[in-house]
């Protein structure tokens, strides 16, 4: 990739992670603590609208970044390193959440690890915000193992599974393992259509954003007319999310031509890991701090609270990450050096995640 294309990829990752944190702040801090008001409804509608853009785009660019390694299969030792590193991150932070859950007993706290059995179950079936990292590890393993299968066949099967996932009856409000199934096709698109995605980012026609908006609006309206929990609804959702990815890439590739936007968004995009894994403990802190709930009683604070909360979490996560990287706790963000060297071979430089 050229520097320009790396800029749009980093910017896309940064924007997606900010939108993910904004959603979680709204759900787990803002809604339960804020008094009923029009502001809560506005933020609910806004964050739900961006659901078509957040994770589909994040998985596509994640697949694009991993494309060369995954398509090489297991013959490339760095593919092994990527898969092991991702699962290491998942287990490490699941363990951190489990330890923190021992001292955090408030029933309003989301995604606590309730029992040792719950912890063991999550080693195989994710049940926290870490499901995203679990999914990346699973996708790398599966697609690397199928590197000799025609990409069209893989994309077709994953698209069918994605649609079918929406009709699976679940007893809980949110079965996170179904997200792993639904979003697999987007990661695969990033892997197998990397060249097409890069070409799309190079499009400079003024009609491209217009066509992207029209396509997205048509798909969004069609999806809104469907009944939830049906194959038709999930199929239309898949089309809508795909249109959102195309629109996002076109728009972000244009926006990164403005240096202030490129610097800010890409700076976050290059540091998504600490934000992603530390957001849950920081959300717990915001929920439990009395001054947070008190401040929501003031209208000027309340109406912008999700933005304030997102900014606080991002800044705190980056600061904590810098401190943790100074000592042995840096293994929370990557495999131990000896393990990395053993996987890739002692004479090769280790590839950090």
Protein backbone atom coordinates (compact mmCIF):
# COMPACT_ATOMS: atom_id res chain seq x y z
CA UNK A 1 0.00 0.00 0.00
CA UNK A 2 1.08 3.57 -0.55
CA UNK A 3 1.14 6.11 2.27
CA UNK A 4 -2.10 7.65 0.97
CA UNK A 5 -3.96 4.36 1.09
CA UNK A 6 -2.58 3.58 4.51
CA UNK A 7 -3.93 6.93 5.64
CA UNK A 8 -7.50 6.10 4.65
CA UNK A 9 -7.26 2.64 6.22
CA UNK A 10 -5.98 4.07 9.52
CA UNK A 11 -8.60 6.82 9.41
CA UNK A 12 -11.36 4.27 8.81
CA UNK A 13 -10.21 2.17 11.75
CA UNK A 14 -10.02 5.24 13.98
CA UNK A 15 -13.52 6.44 13.10
CA UNK A 16 -15.01 2.98 13.54
CA UNK A 17 -13.49 2.50 16.99
CA UNK A 18 -14.68 5.94 18.10
CA UNK A 19 -18.20 5.03 16.97
CA UNK A 20 -17.98 1.71 18.85
CA UNK A 21 -16.97 3.45 22.07
CA UNK A 22 -19.69 6.08 21.56
CA UNK A 23 -22.28 3.32 21.25
CA UNK A 24 -21.11 1.57 24.41
CA UNK A 25 -21.00 4.81 26.41
CA UNK A 26 -24.57 5.51 25.34
CA UNK A 27 -25.84 2.03 26.23
CA UNK A 28 -23.96 1.35 29.45
CA UNK A 29 -23.44 4.80 30.99
CA UNK A 30 -25.64 7.45 29.41
CA UNK A 31 -28.97 5.63 29.22
CA UNK A 32 -28.96 4.04 32.69
CA UNK A 33 -27.73 7.17 34.51
CA UNK A 34 -29.32 10.02 32.56
CA UNK A 35 -32.83 11.26 33.45
CA UNK A 36 -35.39 10.73 30.67
CA UNK A 37 -35.10 13.46 28.04
CA UNK A 38 -35.19 14.08 24.31
CA UNK A 39 -31.41 13.98 24.36
CA UNK A 40 -31.37 10.29 25.22
CA UNK A 41 -33.65 9.50 22.30
CA UNK A 42 -31.56 11.55 19.88
CA UNK A 43 -28.35 9.77 20.87
CA UNK A 44 -30.11 6.40 20.64
CA UNK A 45 -31.24 7.09 17.09
CA UNK A 46 -27.86 8.47 16.06
CA UNK A 47 -25.78 5.58 17.39
CA UNK A 48 -28.20 3.00 15.97
CA UNK A 49 -27.99 4.67 12.56
CA UNK A 50 -24.21 4.27 12.52
CA UNK A 51 -24.63 0.54 13.15
CA UNK A 52 -24.46 0.00 9.38
CA UNK A 53 -21.04 1.66 9.25
CA UNK A 54 -19.14 0.75 12.43
CA UNK A 55 -18.37 -2.95 12.40
CA UNK A 56 -18.84 -3.80 8.71
CA UNK A 57 -16.19 -1.24 7.75
CA UNK A 58 -13.93 -2.17 10.67
CA UNK A 59 -13.95 -5.84 9.65
CA UNK A 60 -13.39 -5.01 5.98
CA UNK A 61 -10.30 -2.90 6.71
CA UNK A 62 -9.07 -5.50 9.21
CA UNK A 63 -9.29 -8.12 6.48
CA UNK A 64 -7.54 -5.82 4.04
CA UNK A 65 -4.62 -5.29 6.44
CA UNK A 66 -4.30 -9.06 6.99
CA UNK A 67 -4.91 -9.96 3.33
CA UNK A 68 -1.41 -10.89 2.23
CA UNK A 69 -0.68 -13.04 5.28
CA UNK A 70 -4.03 -14.84 5.24
CA UNK A 71 -3.89 -15.61 1.52
CA UNK A 72 -0.41 -17.05 1.96
CA UNK A 73 -1.85 -19.61 4.37
CA UNK A 74 0.16 -21.41 7.02
CA UNK A 75 3.28 -21.50 4.85
CA UNK A 76 3.94 -17.97 6.10
CA UNK A 77 5.02 -18.19 9.73
CA UNK A 78 3.71 -14.70 10.33
CA UNK A 79 0.22 -15.98 9.66
CA UNK A 80 0.69 -18.33 12.61
CA UNK A 81 2.01 -15.40 14.62
CA UNK A 82 -1.03 -13.28 13.78
CA UNK A 83 -3.49 -15.99 14.79
CA UNK A 84 -1.69 -16.81 18.04
CA UNK A 85 -1.22 -13.13 18.90
CA UNK A 86 -4.90 -12.38 18.47
CA UNK A 87 -6.00 -15.26 20.66
CA UNK A 88 -3.36 -14.32 23.22
CA UNK A 89 -4.86 -10.83 23.40
CA UNK A 90 -8.31 -12.30 23.81
CA UNK A 91 -7.32 -14.62 26.67
CA UNK A 92 -5.14 -12.01 28.38
CA UNK A 93 -7.89 -9.41 28.53
CA UNK A 94 -10.61 -11.92 29.33
CA UNK A 95 -8.46 -12.80 32.34
CA UNK A 96 -8.13 -9.12 33.26
CA UNK A 97 -11.91 -8.72 33.06
CA UNK A 98 -12.36 -11.82 35.22
CA UNK A 99 -10.02 -10.49 37.91
CA UNK A 100 -11.68 -7.07 37.89
CA UNK A 101 -15.11 -8.72 38.08
CA UNK A 102 -14.22 -10.11 41.50
CA UNK A 103 -14.25 -6.63 43.00
CA UNK A 104 -17.00 -5.07 40.88
CA UNK A 105 -20.35 -6.37 42.07
CA UNK A 106 -22.79 -3.66 41.02
CA UNK A 107 -25.64 -5.35 39.05
CA UNK A 108 -25.61 -2.51 36.51
CA UNK A 109 -22.10 -3.38 35.35
CA UNK A 110 -22.11 -5.05 31.90
CA UNK A 111 -20.07 -8.04 30.78
CA UNK A 112 -18.80 -9.17 34.16
CA UNK A 113 -17.22 -12.62 34.25
CA UNK A 114 -19.59 -14.15 36.74
CA UNK A 115 -18.05 -17.54 37.60
CA UNK A 116 -15.00 -19.68 36.76
CA UNK A 117 -17.24 -21.73 34.46
CA UNK A 118 -18.35 -18.55 32.70
CA UNK A 119 -14.67 -17.73 32.14
CA UNK A 120 -13.94 -21.18 30.72
CA UNK A 121 -16.97 -21.02 28.43
CA UNK A 122 -15.76 -17.72 27.02
CA UNK A 123 -12.49 -19.25 25.93
CA UNK A 124 -14.58 -20.82 23.16
CA UNK A 125 -17.77 -18.74 22.99
CA UNK A 126 -17.25 -14.99 23.51
CA UNK A 127 -19.61 -13.12 25.82
CA UNK A 128 -18.04 -9.67 26.18
CA UNK A 129 -16.80 -6.75 24.11
CA UNK A 130 -13.75 -8.88 23.37
CA UNK A 131 -15.81 -10.87 20.87
CA UNK A 132 -14.30 -8.65 18.15
CA UNK A 133 -10.77 -9.89 18.88
CA UNK A 134 -12.02 -13.48 19.16
CA UNK A 135 -13.65 -13.07 15.75
CA UNK A 136 -10.44 -11.78 14.15
CA UNK A 137 -8.51 -14.77 15.49
CA UNK A 138 -11.16 -17.18 14.22
CA UNK A 139 -11.28 -15.56 10.79
CA UNK A 140 -7.50 -15.72 10.38
CA UNK A 141 -7.48 -19.41 11.32
CA UNK A 142 -10.39 -20.38 9.08
CA UNK A 143 -9.44 -18.38 5.99
CA UNK A 144 -5.75 -19.28 6.24
CA UNK A 145 -6.74 -22.95 6.37
CA UNK A 146 -8.89 -22.48 3.24
CA UNK A 147 -6.29 -20.60 1.22
CA UNK A 148 -6.51 -23.13 -1.63
CA UNK A 149 -10.31 -22.82 -1.91
CA UNK A 150 -11.56 -20.38 -4.58
CA UNK A 151 -12.37 -17.02 -2.93
CA UNK A 152 -15.75 -16.86 -4.70
CA UNK A 153 -16.82 -20.08 -3.01
CA UNK A 154 -15.69 -18.86 0.41
CA UNK A 155 -17.45 -15.51 0.02
CA UNK A 156 -20.62 -17.25 -1.14
CA UNK A 157 -20.72 -19.63 1.80
CA UNK A 158 -19.96 -16.87 4.31
CA UNK A 159 -22.69 -14.66 2.80
CA UNK A 160 -25.20 -17.51 3.20
CA UNK A 161 -24.11 -18.05 6.80
CA UNK A 162 -24.35 -14.33 7.45
CA UNK A 163 -27.94 -14.23 6.24
CA UNK A 164 -28.83 -17.43 8.09
CA UNK A 165 -27.47 -16.04 11.38
CA UNK A 166 -30.31 -13.53 11.55
CA UNK A 167 -32.94 -16.25 11.71
CA UNK A 168 -31.32 -18.21 14.57
CA UNK A 169 -33.65 -18.15 17.61
CA UNK A 170 -31.85 -16.91 20.72
CA UNK A 171 -33.01 -16.67 24.32
CA UNK A 172 -30.84 -13.69 25.20
CA UNK A 173 -31.08 -10.09 24.05
CA UNK A 174 -27.70 -10.39 22.34
CA UNK A 175 -25.88 -13.59 21.45
CA UNK A 176 -22.43 -12.28 20.62
CA UNK A 177 -21.31 -15.48 18.92
CA UNK A 178 -23.84 -14.72 16.18
CA UNK A 179 -21.93 -11.50 15.48
CA UNK A 180 -18.88 -13.65 14.76
CA UNK A 181 -20.90 -15.51 12.13
CA UNK A 182 -22.55 -12.44 10.60
CA UNK A 183 -19.43 -10.30 10.15
CA UNK A 184 -17.17 -13.05 8.77
CA UNK A 185 -18.09 -12.19 5.19
CA UNK A 186 -16.92 -8.59 5.66
CA UNK A 187 -13.49 -9.70 6.86
CA UNK A 188 -13.32 -12.06 3.89
CA UNK A 189 -14.17 -9.22 1.50
CA UNK A 190 -11.22 -7.30 2.92
CA UNK A 191 -8.97 -10.31 2.38
CA UNK A 192 -10.04 -11.29 -1.13
CA UNK A 193 -11.05 -7.93 -2.58
CA UNK A 194 -8.14 -5.87 -1.25
CA UNK A 195 -7.20 -4.61 -4.72
CA UNK A 196 -10.77 -3.60 -5.52
CA UNK A 197 -11.09 -1.77 -2.20
CA UNK A 198 -7.87 0.12 -2.82
CA UNK A 199 -9.10 1.04 -6.30
CA UNK A 200 -12.36 2.26 -4.79
CA UNK A 201 -10.40 4.49 -2.42
CA UNK A 202 -8.66 6.06 -5.43
CA UNK A 203 -11.91 7.12 -7.10
CA UNK A 204 -12.11 10.89 -7.33
CA UNK A 205 -15.33 11.35 -9.31
CA UNK A 206 -17.77 13.78 -7.63
CA UNK A 207 -20.52 11.33 -8.54
CA UNK A 208 -19.06 8.55 -6.40
CA UNK A 209 -20.31 9.89 -3.04
CA UNK A 210 -23.69 10.72 -4.60
CA UNK A 211 -24.13 7.20 -5.97
CA UNK A 212 -22.93 5.80 -2.66
CA UNK A 213 -25.49 7.80 -0.69
CA UNK A 214 -28.32 6.85 -3.04
CA UNK A 215 -27.41 3.16 -2.86
CA UNK A 216 -27.23 3.24 0.92
CA UNK A 217 -30.55 5.09 1.31
CA UNK A 218 -32.34 2.63 -0.98
CA UNK A 219 -30.95 -0.34 0.94
CA UNK A 220 -31.71 1.29 4.30
CA UNK A 221 -35.34 1.97 3.34
CA UNK A 222 -35.78 -1.58 2.03
CA UNK A 223 -34.32 -3.00 5.24
CA UNK A 224 -36.65 -0.86 7.38
CA UNK A 225 -39.66 -2.44 5.68
CA UNK A 226 -38.64 -5.99 6.58
CA UNK A 227 -39.63 -8.00 9.64
CA UNK A 228 -36.94 -8.60 12.25
CA UNK A 229 -35.64 -12.12 12.73
CA UNK A 230 -36.26 -13.31 9.17
CA UNK A 231 -33.90 -14.34 6.38
CA UNK A 232 -35.20 -11.47 4.26
CA UNK A 233 -34.41 -8.94 6.98
CA UNK A 234 -30.86 -10.21 7.44
CA UNK A 235 -30.30 -10.38 3.69
CA UNK A 236 -31.40 -6.77 3.29
CA UNK A 237 -29.27 -5.82 6.27
CA UNK A 238 -26.27 -7.42 4.57
CA UNK A 239 -26.94 -5.37 1.42
CA UNK A 240 -27.37 -2.20 3.49
CA UNK A 241 -24.16 -2.77 5.43
CA UNK A 242 -22.27 -3.50 2.19
CA UNK A 243 -23.55 -0.25 0.70
CA UNK A 244 -22.44 1.52 3.89
CA UNK A 245 -18.91 0.11 3.50
CA UNK A 246 -18.65 1.34 -0.09
CA UNK A 247 -19.95 4.79 0.87
CA UNK A 248 -17.62 4.98 3.86
CA UNK A 249 -14.51 4.14 1.86
CA UNK A 250 -15.31 6.71 -0.82
CA UNK A 251 -16.01 9.47 1.72
CA UNK A 252 -13.08 8.70 4.04
CA UNK A 253 -10.66 8.51 1.11
CA UNK A 254 -11.77 12.03 0.18
CA UNK A 255 -11.64 13.35 3.74
CA UNK A 256 -8.06 12.19 4.35
CA UNK A 257 -6.95 14.64 1.67
CA UNK A 258 -7.59 17.29 4.35
CA UNK A 259 -4.48 17.05 6.59
CA UNK A 260 -6.13 17.92 9.95
CA UNK A 261 -8.71 15.16 9.51
CA UNK A 262 -6.13 12.67 8.29
CA UNK A 263 -3.80 13.32 11.24
CA UNK A 264 -6.52 13.11 13.88
CA UNK A 265 -8.37 10.06 12.54
CA UNK A 266 -5.24 8.13 11.59
CA UNK A 267 -3.66 8.83 14.99
CA UNK A 268 -6.59 7.03 16.63
CA UNK A 269 -6.61 4.33 13.94
CA UNK A 270 -3.02 3.36 14.69
CA UNK A 271 -3.87 2.87 18.37
CA UNK A 272 -7.15 0.98 18.25
CA UNK A 273 -6.04 -2.00 20.37
CA UNK A 274 -5.65 -0.23 23.75
CA UNK A 275 -8.89 1.68 23.18
CA UNK A 276 -10.77 -1.49 22.33
CA UNK A 277 -9.60 -3.63 25.25
CA UNK A 278 -9.60 -0.89 27.91
CA UNK A 279 -12.99 0.61 27.08
CA UNK A 280 -14.93 -1.87 29.24
CA UNK A 281 -13.07 -1.25 32.54
CA UNK A 282 -13.25 2.49 31.86
CA UNK A 283 -16.98 2.24 31.20
CA UNK A 284 -17.30 0.51 34.56
CA UNK A 285 -15.45 3.43 36.17
CA UNK A 286 -17.71 6.03 34.54
CA UNK A 287 -20.81 4.10 35.60
CA UNK A 288 -19.68 3.79 39.22
CA UNK A 289 -18.36 7.34 39.77
CA UNK A 290 -21.07 9.43 41.51
CA UNK A 291 -19.97 12.73 39.85
CA UNK A 292 -20.85 11.26 36.45
CA UNK A 293 -24.47 10.69 37.40
CA UNK A 294 -24.67 14.07 39.14
CA UNK A 295 -23.35 15.89 36.08
CA UNK A 296 -26.07 14.38 33.90
CA UNK A 297 -28.60 16.42 35.83
CA UNK A 298 -27.34 19.54 34.02
CA UNK A 299 -28.74 19.92 30.51
CA UNK A 300 -25.57 21.34 28.86
CA UNK A 301 -23.60 18.33 30.09
CA UNK A 302 -26.35 15.81 29.47
CA UNK A 303 -26.86 16.59 25.80
CA UNK A 304 -23.16 16.17 24.99
CA UNK A 305 -22.36 13.52 27.60
CA UNK A 306 -21.78 10.63 25.14
CA UNK A 307 -19.14 12.71 23.34
CA UNK A 308 -17.49 13.67 26.64
CA UNK A 309 -17.54 10.04 27.78
CA UNK A 310 -16.03 8.80 24.53
CA UNK A 311 -13.24 11.40 24.68
CA UNK A 312 -12.46 10.52 28.31
CA UNK A 313 -12.27 6.79 27.55
CA UNK A 314 -10.02 7.27 24.50
CA UNK A 315 -7.61 9.57 26.30
CA UNK A 316 -7.55 7.42 29.44
CA UNK A 317 -7.02 4.23 27.43
CA UNK A 318 -4.09 5.71 25.53
CA UNK A 319 -2.56 7.02 28.76
CA UNK A 320 -2.95 3.69 30.57
CA UNK A 321 -1.52 1.88 27.56
CA UNK A 322 1.59 4.05 27.64
CA UNK A 323 2.12 3.25 31.33
CA UNK A 324 1.53 -0.49 30.91
CA UNK A 325 3.98 -0.70 28.02
CA UNK A 326 6.83 0.44 30.29
CA UNK A 327 6.95 -2.76 32.33
CA UNK A 328 6.22 -6.43 32.18
CA UNK A 329 2.54 -5.65 31.76
CA UNK A 330 3.28 -4.93 28.10
CA UNK A 331 2.53 -8.63 27.50
CA UNK A 332 -1.12 -7.63 27.80
CA UNK A 333 -0.75 -6.07 24.35
CA UNK A 334 1.34 -8.70 22.60
CA UNK A 335 2.99 -12.08 22.88
CA UNK A 336 6.15 -12.35 24.97
CA UNK A 337 9.22 -11.70 22.83
CA UNK A 338 10.55 -15.23 23.24
CA UNK A 339 7.28 -16.72 22.01
CA UNK A 340 7.18 -14.42 18.98
CA UNK A 341 10.74 -15.31 18.03
CA UNK A 342 10.03 -19.01 18.40
CA UNK A 343 7.01 -18.78 16.09
CA UNK A 344 8.62 -16.76 13.30
CA UNK A 345 12.13 -18.19 13.71
CA UNK A 346 14.97 -16.69 15.71
CA UNK A 347 16.66 -15.12 12.69
CA UNK A 348 13.55 -13.21 11.65
CA UNK A 349 12.37 -10.00 13.31
CA UNK A 350 9.17 -10.54 15.24
CA UNK A 351 6.05 -9.01 13.73
CA UNK A 352 4.08 -7.07 16.35
CA UNK A 353 0.31 -7.21 16.10
